[in-house]
N, C-alpha and C. Protein backbone atom coordinates (compact mmCIF):
# COMPACT_ATOMS: atom_id res chain seq x y z
N LEU A 1 132.41 119.50 67.87
CA LEU A 1 131.61 118.95 67.82
C LEU A 1 131.70 117.24 67.24
N THR A 2 132.83 116.95 66.91
CA THR A 2 133.83 115.65 66.67
C THR A 2 134.32 115.57 68.34
N LYS A 3 134.66 116.48 69.09
CA LYS A 3 134.98 116.20 70.52
C LYS A 3 134.09 116.03 71.25
N LEU A 4 132.70 117.07 71.02
CA LEU A 4 131.54 116.62 71.97
C LEU A 4 131.02 115.27 72.04
N ASP A 5 130.95 115.19 70.51
CA ASP A 5 130.38 113.49 70.58
C ASP A 5 131.32 112.30 70.88
N ASN A 6 132.36 112.61 71.05
CA ASN A 6 133.34 112.07 71.70
C ASN A 6 133.26 111.65 73.40
N THR A 7 133.33 113.03 73.87
CA THR A 7 132.46 113.77 74.71
C THR A 7 131.29 112.76 75.79
N ILE A 8 130.00 112.56 74.72
CA ILE A 8 128.58 111.62 75.06
C ILE A 8 128.66 110.81 74.97
N GLN A 9 130.16 110.14 73.89
CA GLN A 9 129.75 108.54 74.17
C GLN A 9 130.90 107.97 75.08
N LEU A 10 131.91 109.03 75.66
CA LEU A 10 132.05 108.47 76.71
C LEU A 10 131.22 108.01 77.94
N HIS A 11 130.54 109.54 78.31
CA HIS A 11 129.51 109.64 79.48
C HIS A 11 128.65 108.37 79.10
N GLU A 12 128.14 107.89 78.03
CA GLU A 12 127.30 106.52 77.05
C GLU A 12 127.45 105.61 77.97
N ARG A 13 128.75 105.48 77.52
CA ARG A 13 129.45 104.14 77.99
C ARG A 13 129.95 103.77 79.92
N LYS A 14 130.47 105.21 80.47
CA LYS A 14 130.39 105.52 81.58
C LYS A 14 128.73 105.36 82.01
N CYS A 15 127.64 105.11 81.98
CA CYS A 15 126.38 104.91 82.25
C CYS A 15 125.90 103.38 82.23
N GLU A 16 126.56 103.29 80.88
CA GLU A 16 126.83 101.47 80.78
C GLU A 16 127.03 100.28 81.36
N GLU A 17 128.42 101.03 82.16
CA GLU A 17 129.24 100.59 82.56
C GLU A 17 128.93 100.29 84.12
N LEU A 18 128.39 101.78 84.69
CA LEU A 18 127.92 101.60 86.03
C LEU A 18 126.47 100.69 86.01
N ALA A 19 125.92 100.87 84.72
CA ALA A 19 124.40 99.85 84.85
C ALA A 19 124.68 98.31 85.17
N LEU A 20 125.46 97.92 84.42
CA LEU A 20 125.96 96.74 84.25
C LEU A 20 126.72 96.21 85.47
N ILE A 21 127.40 97.19 86.03
CA ILE A 21 127.67 97.10 87.34
C ILE A 21 127.16 96.48 89.06
N LYS A 22 125.86 97.59 88.80
CA LYS A 22 124.99 97.51 89.59
C LYS A 22 124.14 96.38 89.21
N LYS A 23 123.83 95.57 88.40
CA LYS A 23 123.11 94.18 87.47
C LYS A 23 123.73 92.97 88.69
N ALA A 24 124.62 93.65 88.11
CA ALA A 24 125.94 92.01 88.84
C ALA A 24 126.14 91.90 90.49
N LEU A 25 126.13 93.11 91.23
CA LEU A 25 125.64 93.33 92.60
C LEU A 25 124.44 93.17 92.97
N LEU A 26 123.35 93.51 92.63
CA LEU A 26 122.11 93.05 92.52
C LEU A 26 121.98 91.47 93.26
N GLN A 27 123.07 90.77 91.86
CA GLN A 27 122.84 88.99 91.84
C GLN A 27 123.34 88.91 92.22
N LYS A 28 124.93 89.39 93.11
CA LYS A 28 125.63 88.99 94.26
C LYS A 28 125.28 89.23 95.63
N LEU A 29 124.91 90.30 96.03
CA LEU A 29 124.68 91.25 97.38
C LEU A 29 123.09 90.78 97.69
N PHE A 30 122.40 89.83 97.08
CA PHE A 30 120.73 89.29 96.86
C PHE A 30 120.97 87.77 97.20
N PRO A 31 120.50 86.97 97.76
CA PRO A 31 120.25 85.40 97.44
C PRO A 31 119.66 85.25 96.25
N LYS A 32 119.98 83.87 95.77
CA LYS A 32 119.85 83.31 94.44
C LYS A 32 118.56 82.46 95.29
N LYS A 33 117.38 82.55 93.85
CA LYS A 33 116.30 81.95 94.29
C LYS A 33 116.28 80.49 94.53
N ASP A 34 115.60 80.49 95.75
CA ASP A 34 115.69 78.99 96.77
C ASP A 34 116.61 78.99 98.07
N GLU A 35 117.59 80.26 98.06
CA GLU A 35 118.75 79.98 98.66
C GLU A 35 118.65 81.25 99.94
N VAL A 36 119.44 81.41 101.19
CA VAL A 36 119.03 81.76 102.10
C VAL A 36 120.38 83.10 102.37
N ARG A 37 121.60 82.67 101.87
CA ARG A 37 122.48 83.48 102.19
C ARG A 37 123.43 84.23 100.74
N PRO A 38 123.36 85.43 100.49
CA PRO A 38 123.67 85.83 99.31
C PRO A 38 125.36 85.49 99.13
N GLU A 39 125.76 85.58 97.52
CA GLU A 39 127.04 84.78 97.35
C GLU A 39 128.37 85.86 98.34
N VAL A 40 127.70 87.28 98.27
CA VAL A 40 128.93 88.12 98.96
C VAL A 40 128.06 88.75 99.83
N ARG A 41 128.91 89.31 100.90
CA ARG A 41 128.20 89.65 102.18
C ARG A 41 129.05 90.39 102.52
N TYR A 42 128.78 91.50 102.97
CA TYR A 42 129.16 92.43 104.33
C TYR A 42 130.45 91.78 105.33
N LYS A 43 131.69 92.27 105.74
CA LYS A 43 132.35 91.48 107.12
C LYS A 43 131.17 91.60 108.47
N ASN A 44 131.38 89.99 109.06
CA ASN A 44 130.34 90.56 110.03
C ASN A 44 128.99 90.17 110.49
N PHE A 45 128.49 89.68 108.88
CA PHE A 45 127.22 89.06 108.31
C PHE A 45 127.34 87.94 108.12
N SER A 46 126.73 86.99 108.87
CA SER A 46 126.56 85.47 108.20
C SER A 46 125.21 84.78 108.52
N ASP A 47 124.29 85.32 109.20
CA ASP A 47 122.70 84.94 109.88
C ASP A 47 122.02 84.29 108.26
N ALA A 48 121.29 83.62 108.58
CA ALA A 48 120.21 83.34 106.95
C ALA A 48 118.99 84.26 106.67
N TRP A 49 119.33 84.94 105.90
CA TRP A 49 118.18 85.79 104.95
C TRP A 49 116.17 85.44 105.37
N GLU A 50 115.67 85.81 105.95
CA GLU A 50 114.03 85.25 106.32
C GLU A 50 113.21 85.84 104.98
N GLN A 51 112.05 84.65 104.52
CA GLN A 51 111.45 84.99 103.94
C GLN A 51 110.27 85.99 104.35
N ARG A 52 109.49 86.57 104.01
CA ARG A 52 108.62 87.79 104.45
C ARG A 52 107.53 88.11 103.24
N LYS A 53 106.37 87.87 103.03
CA LYS A 53 105.66 88.95 102.74
C LYS A 53 105.65 90.19 102.18
N LEU A 54 105.65 90.81 102.01
CA LEU A 54 105.85 92.55 101.64
C LEU A 54 105.39 92.55 102.40
N GLY A 55 104.17 92.05 103.16
CA GLY A 55 103.31 93.19 104.05
C GLY A 55 103.98 93.34 105.55
N GLU A 56 104.04 92.54 105.37
CA GLU A 56 105.04 92.19 107.06
C GLU A 56 106.42 93.40 107.42
N VAL A 57 106.88 93.33 106.45
CA VAL A 57 107.74 94.63 105.77
C VAL A 57 107.19 96.34 106.14
N ILE A 58 106.45 96.33 105.81
CA ILE A 58 106.02 97.57 105.31
C ILE A 58 104.79 97.64 107.11
N ILE A 59 104.67 99.59 107.51
CA ILE A 59 104.28 99.93 108.11
C ILE A 59 102.57 100.12 107.92
N SER A 60 102.66 100.74 106.81
CA SER A 60 101.06 101.21 106.42
C SER A 60 101.14 101.64 104.64
N GLU A 61 100.24 100.72 103.95
CA GLU A 61 100.03 101.49 102.36
C GLU A 61 99.22 102.72 102.00
N HIS A 62 98.85 103.45 101.17
CA HIS A 62 97.76 104.29 100.68
C HIS A 62 98.17 104.71 99.64
N LYS A 63 96.46 105.19 98.67
CA LYS A 63 97.06 105.26 97.57
C LYS A 63 96.45 106.55 97.38
N GLY A 64 97.01 107.07 96.18
CA GLY A 64 96.84 108.10 96.15
C GLY A 64 95.95 109.07 95.72
N LYS A 65 95.64 110.77 96.74
CA LYS A 65 94.59 111.16 95.80
C LYS A 65 94.65 112.38 95.07
N VAL A 66 95.70 112.73 94.99
CA VAL A 66 95.56 114.09 94.52
C VAL A 66 95.36 114.39 93.12
N LYS A 67 95.32 115.54 92.43
CA LYS A 67 95.30 115.19 90.48
C LYS A 67 95.11 116.49 90.06
N SER A 68 95.77 116.13 89.12
CA SER A 68 96.46 117.84 88.32
C SER A 68 95.34 118.52 88.07
N ILE A 69 94.35 118.59 88.51
CA ILE A 69 92.83 120.03 89.29
C ILE A 69 93.71 120.94 90.03
N MET A 70 94.34 120.07 90.73
CA MET A 70 94.42 120.57 92.44
C MET A 70 96.06 121.39 91.91
N LYS A 71 96.66 122.04 90.63
CA LYS A 71 97.50 122.67 90.86
C LYS A 71 97.53 123.87 91.75
N GLY A 72 98.73 124.02 91.96
CA GLY A 72 98.56 125.41 92.50
C GLY A 72 99.55 125.08 94.08
N GLY A 73 99.78 126.07 95.21
CA GLY A 73 100.48 125.81 96.03
C GLY A 73 101.76 125.16 95.97
N ASN A 74 102.25 124.80 96.73
CA ASN A 74 103.73 125.05 97.09
C ASN A 74 104.31 123.29 97.31
N THR A 75 103.50 122.42 97.35
CA THR A 75 103.87 120.82 97.44
C THR A 75 103.99 120.31 96.13
N ASN A 76 105.31 119.54 96.00
CA ASN A 76 105.62 118.48 95.04
C ASN A 76 104.47 118.22 94.41
N TYR A 77 104.24 117.34 93.69
CA TYR A 77 102.89 116.80 92.80
C TYR A 77 103.83 115.27 92.32
N LEU A 78 103.41 114.38 93.15
CA LEU A 78 104.31 113.08 92.48
C LEU A 78 103.64 112.23 91.65
N GLU A 79 104.36 112.48 90.42
CA GLU A 79 103.63 111.58 88.84
C GLU A 79 104.63 111.22 88.39
N THR A 80 103.89 110.58 87.09
CA THR A 80 105.15 109.87 86.82
C THR A 80 105.53 110.83 85.57
N ASN A 81 105.45 111.88 85.17
CA ASN A 81 106.45 112.80 84.59
C ASN A 81 107.55 112.88 85.75
N TYR A 82 106.98 113.41 86.39
CA TYR A 82 108.59 114.07 87.34
C TYR A 82 109.02 112.57 87.95
N LEU A 83 108.54 111.44 88.58
CA LEU A 83 109.01 110.03 88.98
C LEU A 83 110.03 109.94 88.10
N ASN A 84 110.17 109.84 86.86
CA ASN A 84 110.57 110.16 85.06
C ASN A 84 111.68 110.82 84.87
N GLY A 85 112.02 112.02 85.89
CA GLY A 85 113.02 112.47 85.57
C GLY A 85 112.32 114.32 85.04
N GLY A 86 111.40 114.21 85.22
CA GLY A 86 110.88 115.76 84.62
C GLY A 86 110.36 116.27 86.03
N THR A 87 109.84 118.14 85.64
CA THR A 87 109.78 118.73 86.14
C THR A 87 108.59 118.88 87.47
N ALA A 88 109.40 119.23 88.45
CA ALA A 88 107.88 119.31 89.38
C ALA A 88 106.81 120.15 89.66
N GLN A 89 105.65 119.47 89.10
CA GLN A 89 104.51 120.59 89.44
C GLN A 89 104.21 120.96 90.62
N LYS A 90 103.48 121.86 91.33
CA LYS A 90 102.97 122.03 93.00
C LYS A 90 101.31 122.02 92.59
N VAL A 91 101.60 121.65 94.15
CA VAL A 91 99.79 121.86 94.33
C VAL A 91 99.56 122.07 95.75
N ASP A 92 98.63 122.26 94.98
CA ASP A 92 97.08 122.08 96.90
C ASP A 92 97.27 121.49 97.40
N ALA A 93 97.80 120.77 98.65
CA ALA A 93 97.62 119.51 98.91
C ALA A 93 99.06 119.38 99.52
N LEU A 94 98.25 118.93 101.11
CA LEU A 94 99.21 118.09 101.97
C LEU A 94 100.53 117.33 101.71
N ALA A 95 101.40 117.49 101.73
CA ALA A 95 102.55 116.47 101.24
C ALA A 95 102.46 115.14 102.58
N ASP A 96 102.19 113.39 101.74
CA ASP A 96 101.93 112.61 102.54
C ASP A 96 103.03 111.53 102.55
N VAL A 97 103.80 111.87 101.31
CA VAL A 97 104.77 110.96 100.92
C VAL A 97 106.41 111.34 101.40
N SER A 98 107.51 110.70 102.73
CA SER A 98 108.33 111.34 102.49
C SER A 98 109.67 110.25 101.33
N LYS A 99 110.33 110.84 102.06
CA LYS A 99 111.96 109.84 101.00
C LYS A 99 112.16 108.73 101.13
N ASP A 100 111.99 108.57 101.81
CA ASP A 100 112.11 106.97 102.41
C ASP A 100 111.00 105.49 102.08
N ASP A 101 109.98 106.64 101.73
CA ASP A 101 108.78 105.83 101.17
C ASP A 101 109.08 104.71 100.19
N VAL A 102 108.75 103.62 99.61
CA VAL A 102 108.58 103.35 98.44
C VAL A 102 107.36 102.75 97.82
N LEU A 103 107.30 103.90 96.29
CA LEU A 103 106.08 103.81 95.40
C LEU A 103 105.99 102.76 94.97
N ILE A 104 104.73 102.98 94.08
CA ILE A 104 104.35 101.93 93.26
C ILE A 104 103.06 102.51 91.81
N LEU A 105 103.58 102.23 90.93
CA LEU A 105 102.32 102.77 90.18
C LEU A 105 101.44 102.11 89.95
N TRP A 106 100.01 102.65 90.16
CA TRP A 106 99.01 101.30 90.32
C TRP A 106 98.09 100.53 88.88
N ASP A 107 98.21 102.25 88.40
CA ASP A 107 97.43 101.36 86.83
C ASP A 107 97.34 102.52 85.82
N GLY A 108 98.04 102.23 84.98
CA GLY A 108 98.23 102.25 83.73
C GLY A 108 99.66 101.00 82.84
N SER A 109 99.48 101.35 81.64
CA SER A 109 100.26 100.74 80.49
C SER A 109 101.72 99.92 81.30
N LYS A 110 102.59 100.96 82.34
CA LYS A 110 103.44 100.50 83.04
C LYS A 110 103.61 100.68 84.39
N ALA A 111 101.92 99.49 85.03
CA ALA A 111 101.59 99.51 86.05
C ALA A 111 102.42 98.44 86.64
N GLY A 112 103.02 98.23 87.73
CA GLY A 112 103.86 98.22 88.82
C GLY A 112 105.29 98.58 89.06
N THR A 113 105.48 99.69 87.79
CA THR A 113 106.69 100.74 88.25
C THR A 113 106.82 100.67 89.83
N ILE A 114 108.44 100.93 89.93
CA ILE A 114 108.85 101.19 91.35
C ILE A 114 109.72 102.05 92.02
N TYR A 115 109.33 103.40 92.39
CA TYR A 115 109.98 104.52 92.86
C TYR A 115 110.58 104.82 93.98
N HIS A 116 111.44 105.31 94.46
CA HIS A 116 111.64 105.82 95.86
C HIS A 116 112.76 107.04 95.69
N GLY A 117 112.91 107.01 96.69
CA GLY A 117 113.49 108.89 97.19
C GLY A 117 112.91 110.84 96.57
N PHE A 118 111.94 110.23 97.19
CA PHE A 118 110.72 111.52 96.69
C PHE A 118 109.96 111.61 97.70
N GLU A 119 109.80 113.08 98.27
CA GLU A 119 108.52 113.37 99.09
C GLU A 119 107.22 114.17 98.07
N GLY A 120 106.51 114.78 98.78
CA GLY A 120 105.48 115.52 98.29
C GLY A 120 103.67 114.41 98.35
N ALA A 121 103.22 115.08 97.70
CA ALA A 121 101.88 115.02 97.91
C ALA A 121 101.54 113.59 96.64
N LEU A 122 100.77 112.31 96.51
CA LEU A 122 100.81 111.64 95.80
C LEU A 122 99.77 111.45 94.98
N GLY A 123 99.90 111.46 93.78
CA GLY A 123 99.08 110.96 92.63
C GLY A 123 97.94 110.08 92.57
N SER A 124 97.32 110.02 92.52
CA SER A 124 95.96 109.01 92.44
C SER A 124 96.27 107.85 91.03
N THR A 125 97.37 107.26 90.66
CA THR A 125 97.88 106.39 90.11
C THR A 125 98.74 105.42 90.71
N LEU A 126 99.01 106.26 91.82
CA LEU A 126 100.30 105.24 92.29
C LEU A 126 99.87 105.41 93.83
N LYS A 127 100.63 104.15 95.04
CA LYS A 127 100.86 103.67 95.62
C LYS A 127 101.88 104.05 96.42
N ALA A 128 102.37 103.93 97.76
CA ALA A 128 102.59 104.34 98.75
C ALA A 128 103.45 103.12 99.88
N TYR A 129 104.27 102.46 100.23
CA TYR A 129 104.14 101.78 101.07
C TYR A 129 105.67 102.31 101.93
N VAL A 130 105.31 102.36 103.00
CA VAL A 130 105.81 103.36 104.50
C VAL A 130 106.72 101.75 104.73
N PRO A 131 108.17 101.77 104.57
CA PRO A 131 108.53 100.73 105.07
C PRO A 131 108.97 100.38 107.20
N LYS A 132 109.06 99.65 107.30
CA LYS A 132 109.47 99.02 108.83
C LYS A 132 110.45 99.65 108.66
N TYR A 133 111.45 98.81 108.20
CA TYR A 133 113.17 99.08 108.57
C TYR A 133 113.46 99.96 107.10
N SER A 134 114.56 99.37 106.02
CA SER A 134 115.20 100.72 105.55
C SER A 134 114.51 100.47 104.34
N GLY A 135 113.87 102.18 103.84
CA GLY A 135 112.96 101.95 102.30
C GLY A 135 114.30 101.67 101.78
N ASP A 136 115.35 102.68 101.74
CA ASP A 136 116.68 101.44 100.50
C ASP A 136 116.92 100.75 100.54
N PHE A 137 116.47 99.47 101.07
CA PHE A 137 116.92 97.84 101.21
C PHE A 137 115.36 97.48 100.25
N LEU A 138 114.07 98.05 100.94
CA LEU A 138 113.00 97.54 99.99
C LEU A 138 112.81 97.78 98.85
N TYR A 139 113.60 99.16 98.06
CA TYR A 139 113.29 99.33 96.98
C TYR A 139 113.90 98.35 96.16
N GLN A 140 115.60 98.44 96.41
CA GLN A 140 116.20 98.12 95.38
C GLN A 140 115.82 96.38 95.34
N ILE A 141 115.00 95.88 96.87
CA ILE A 141 114.98 94.55 96.21
C ILE A 141 113.73 93.94 95.43
N LEU A 142 112.66 95.12 95.56
CA LEU A 142 111.87 95.47 94.78
C LEU A 142 112.03 95.81 93.25
N LYS A 143 112.83 96.97 93.00
CA LYS A 143 113.90 97.06 91.51
C LYS A 143 114.00 96.03 91.13
N LYS A 144 115.02 94.95 91.74
CA LYS A 144 115.17 94.31 91.22
C LYS A 144 114.71 93.03 91.03
N ASN A 145 113.27 93.34 91.44
CA ASN A 145 111.93 91.68 90.63
C ASN A 145 111.09 92.61 90.17
N GLN A 146 111.51 94.21 89.29
CA GLN A 146 110.26 94.73 88.66
C GLN A 146 109.84 93.56 87.21
N ASP A 147 110.82 92.87 86.45
CA ASP A 147 110.69 92.49 85.42
C ASP A 147 108.79 91.56 85.99
N LYS A 148 109.80 90.82 87.18
CA LYS A 148 108.84 89.61 87.59
C LYS A 148 107.53 90.23 88.11
N ILE A 149 107.62 91.51 88.81
CA ILE A 149 105.88 92.40 89.13
C ILE A 149 105.15 92.36 87.52
N TYR A 150 105.81 92.92 86.62
CA TYR A 150 105.02 93.25 85.71
C TYR A 150 104.84 91.82 84.80
N GLN A 151 105.29 91.00 85.10
CA GLN A 151 104.44 89.58 84.35
C GLN A 151 103.60 88.67 85.32
N SER A 152 103.54 89.15 86.41
CA SER A 152 103.48 88.01 87.25
C SER A 152 101.85 88.76 88.39
N TYR A 153 101.98 89.45 88.04
CA TYR A 153 101.54 90.70 89.66
C TYR A 153 100.66 91.94 89.14
N ARG A 154 100.88 91.92 88.15
CA ARG A 154 99.29 92.67 87.31
C ARG A 154 97.91 91.97 86.70
N THR A 155 97.07 92.41 86.28
CA THR A 155 95.87 91.85 85.85
C THR A 155 95.64 92.68 84.59
N PRO A 156 95.65 91.21 83.31
CA PRO A 156 95.78 91.39 81.92
C PRO A 156 94.77 92.60 81.54
N ASN A 157 94.06 92.62 80.63
CA ASN A 157 94.19 93.79 79.43
C ASN A 157 94.18 95.37 79.72
N ILE A 158 93.55 95.91 80.72
CA ILE A 158 94.05 97.44 80.85
C ILE A 158 94.58 96.96 82.51
N PRO A 159 96.07 97.58 82.67
CA PRO A 159 97.02 96.96 83.35
C PRO A 159 96.56 97.32 84.66
N HIS A 160 96.48 96.92 85.86
CA HIS A 160 97.14 97.11 87.66
C HIS A 160 97.56 96.62 88.08
N VAL A 161 98.15 96.95 89.09
CA VAL A 161 98.81 95.79 89.57
C VAL A 161 97.18 95.43 90.72
N ILE A 162 97.42 93.94 91.21
CA ILE A 162 96.80 92.71 92.23
C ILE A 162 96.30 93.91 92.59
N LYS A 163 95.38 93.79 93.71
CA LYS A 163 94.35 94.41 94.48
C LYS A 163 95.49 93.38 96.17
N ASN A 164 95.45 92.48 96.57
CA ASN A 164 96.62 91.76 97.24
C ASN A 164 98.35 91.56 97.34
N PHE A 165 99.05 92.78 96.09
CA PHE A 165 100.14 92.34 95.67
C PHE A 165 100.99 92.25 97.60
N THR A 166 100.73 93.01 98.03
CA THR A 166 101.41 92.74 99.34
C THR A 166 101.29 91.70 100.39
N GLU A 167 100.20 90.65 99.81
CA GLU A 167 100.21 89.73 100.84
C GLU A 167 100.11 88.50 99.30
N LYS A 168 100.76 88.74 98.67
CA LYS A 168 101.61 87.61 97.79
C LYS A 168 102.63 88.07 97.14
N PHE A 169 103.08 88.65 97.62
CA PHE A 169 104.77 89.00 97.16
C PHE A 169 105.72 88.93 98.17
N ASN A 170 106.23 87.96 97.85
CA ASN A 170 107.72 87.66 98.59
C ASN A 170 108.75 88.45 98.45
N VAL A 171 109.53 88.75 99.87
CA VAL A 171 110.79 89.47 99.98
C VAL A 171 111.60 88.63 100.60
N SER A 172 113.10 87.87 100.50
CA SER A 172 114.02 87.92 101.40
C SER A 172 114.92 88.87 102.15
N ILE A 173 114.73 88.72 103.38
CA ILE A 173 115.49 90.26 104.29
C ILE A 173 116.59 89.40 104.98
N PRO A 174 117.15 90.38 105.70
CA PRO A 174 118.23 90.37 106.87
C PRO A 174 118.41 90.49 107.60
N THR A 175 119.02 90.96 109.17
CA THR A 175 118.85 91.90 109.84
C THR A 175 118.97 93.16 109.26
N ILE A 176 118.64 94.55 110.15
CA ILE A 176 117.92 95.49 110.26
C ILE A 176 119.56 96.14 109.50
N ILE A 177 120.43 95.84 110.26
CA ILE A 177 121.84 96.43 110.23
C ILE A 177 122.55 96.47 108.82
N GLU A 178 121.96 95.05 108.38
CA GLU A 178 122.58 94.16 107.45
C GLU A 178 121.63 94.91 105.65
N GLN A 179 120.46 95.32 106.04
CA GLN A 179 119.40 96.54 104.61
C GLN A 179 120.14 97.27 105.09
N GLN A 180 120.54 98.28 105.67
CA GLN A 180 120.86 99.29 105.81
C GLN A 180 122.27 99.62 105.47
N GLU A 181 123.28 98.45 105.43
CA GLU A 181 124.31 98.85 104.61
C GLU A 181 124.21 98.39 103.47
N ILE A 182 123.25 97.85 103.21
CA ILE A 182 123.30 97.16 102.01
C ILE A 182 122.30 98.26 100.70
N GLY A 183 121.32 98.67 101.45
CA GLY A 183 120.23 99.69 101.34
C GLY A 183 121.00 101.09 100.90
N ASP A 184 122.47 101.34 101.60
CA ASP A 184 123.07 102.70 101.62
C ASP A 184 124.60 102.54 100.41
N PHE A 185 124.59 101.79 100.65
CA PHE A 185 126.19 101.15 99.05
C PHE A 185 124.96 101.38 97.20
N PHE A 186 123.80 101.00 97.66
CA PHE A 186 123.04 100.93 96.45
C PHE A 186 122.40 102.26 96.18
N LYS A 187 121.85 103.23 97.23
CA LYS A 187 121.68 104.45 97.22
C LYS A 187 122.86 105.68 96.64
N GLN A 188 124.42 104.91 96.83
CA GLN A 188 124.73 105.61 96.11
C GLN A 188 125.53 105.79 95.12
N LEU A 189 125.11 104.57 94.94
CA LEU A 189 125.65 103.93 93.19
C LEU A 189 124.25 104.52 92.57
N ASP A 190 123.52 104.01 92.85
CA ASP A 190 122.38 105.04 92.06
C ASP A 190 122.51 106.58 91.74
N SER A 191 122.60 107.08 92.77
CA SER A 191 122.85 108.26 93.00
C SER A 191 124.65 108.90 91.60
N LEU A 192 124.82 108.17 91.93
CA LEU A 192 126.49 108.18 90.51
C LEU A 192 125.70 107.39 89.44
N ILE A 193 125.02 106.49 89.30
CA ILE A 193 124.46 106.38 87.34
C ILE A 193 123.61 107.55 87.28
N THR A 194 122.79 108.55 88.26
CA THR A 194 121.70 109.72 88.12
C THR A 194 122.88 110.90 87.52
N LEU A 195 124.05 111.17 88.28
CA LEU A 195 124.90 112.02 88.23
C LEU A 195 125.31 111.97 86.81
N HIS A 196 125.99 110.49 86.50
CA HIS A 196 126.39 110.43 84.99
C HIS A 196 125.00 110.93 83.94
N GLN A 197 124.24 110.28 84.29
CA GLN A 197 122.89 110.34 82.91
C GLN A 197 122.52 111.69 83.18
N ARG A 198 122.82 112.11 83.98
CA ARG A 198 121.98 114.06 84.24
C ARG A 198 123.58 114.80 82.63
N LYS A 199 124.32 114.14 83.16
CA LYS A 199 125.35 115.15 82.83
C LYS A 199 125.32 114.73 81.13
N LEU A 200 125.31 113.25 80.57
CA LEU A 200 124.81 113.40 79.46
C LEU A 200 124.13 113.76 78.62
N GLU A 201 122.77 113.62 79.17
CA GLU A 201 121.49 114.70 79.10
C GLU A 201 121.76 115.85 78.45
N LYS A 202 122.68 116.82 79.47
CA LYS A 202 122.99 118.59 79.11
C LYS A 202 123.92 118.14 78.16
N LEU A 203 124.74 117.31 78.05
CA LEU A 203 125.76 117.61 76.87
C LEU A 203 124.91 117.11 75.53
N LYS A 204 124.01 115.97 75.57
CA LYS A 204 123.26 116.04 74.31
C LYS A 204 122.29 117.67 73.89
N GLN A 205 121.35 117.84 74.85
CA GLN A 205 121.22 118.98 75.16
C GLN A 205 122.10 119.92 74.42
N LEU A 206 123.60 120.52 74.90
CA LEU A 206 124.38 121.64 74.35
C LEU A 206 124.97 121.21 72.81
N LYS A 207 124.45 119.88 72.27
CA LYS A 207 125.05 119.19 71.16
C LYS A 207 123.72 120.20 70.00
N LYS A 208 122.34 119.63 70.62
CA LYS A 208 121.23 120.01 69.95
C LYS A 208 121.28 121.35 69.70
N PHE A 209 121.40 122.30 71.03
CA PHE A 209 122.06 124.02 70.58
C PHE A 209 122.58 124.14 69.89
N LEU A 210 124.27 123.80 69.54
CA LEU A 210 124.96 124.02 68.56
C LEU A 210 124.49 123.69 67.54
N LEU A 211 123.80 122.84 67.22
CA LEU A 211 123.40 122.33 65.76
C LEU A 211 122.53 123.18 65.33
N GLN A 212 121.99 124.04 66.28
CA GLN A 212 120.72 124.84 66.02
C GLN A 212 121.49 126.20 65.60
N ASN A 213 122.10 126.56 66.03
CA ASN A 213 122.98 127.57 65.65
C ASN A 213 124.31 128.18 65.05
N MET A 214 124.68 127.35 64.61
CA MET A 214 126.15 127.38 63.96
C MET A 214 125.81 126.81 62.36
N PHE A 215 124.63 126.31 61.90
CA PHE A 215 124.48 126.47 60.86
C PHE A 215 123.19 127.02 60.23
N ILE A 216 123.30 127.47 58.74
CA ILE A 216 122.16 128.24 58.27
C ILE A 216 121.23 127.79 58.25
């Protein structure tokens, strides 16, 4: 059990280190406030980034219509439990979200939370944005501003995202090719972080199982 604890601590440190690395890289690879160029660039990119409204960099948006009473069928039900790492439930509905779409929780205490990389039928508390360019890049720039969305783009009392969010929220974007480079890089980094998080969770479950079965 001591060896297992040491392994768990190792993966915990790894997860923490990767999260810190990602946070630092987000600061370096995206322009600071009121600046038009990031501190670090990929080779052959030098153009200034352009300010756009969120609505200008998406093709369309739609609110989810699927509810839990529609369970059955073969389509993944996109709701918060699944989006936060839970098991996918199936619903009798057509898929209306692709993996490149960016999702935002529209209602509830965590309204404004951003998700990406899922496909299925969208739950009624979420909205989906279909990106014009790189969904991976758009996700990272919105996720980088997650706290800002919570603080400035939600209604008080019973929280939900403000109706004109796409008209009010500003994004800074480079060329399409640079968006793809940045989006692909962070996608790989996120996959590595998720891999270690899953390994850590399995180790914790193993320890729990052993504690329950090795002692009277």
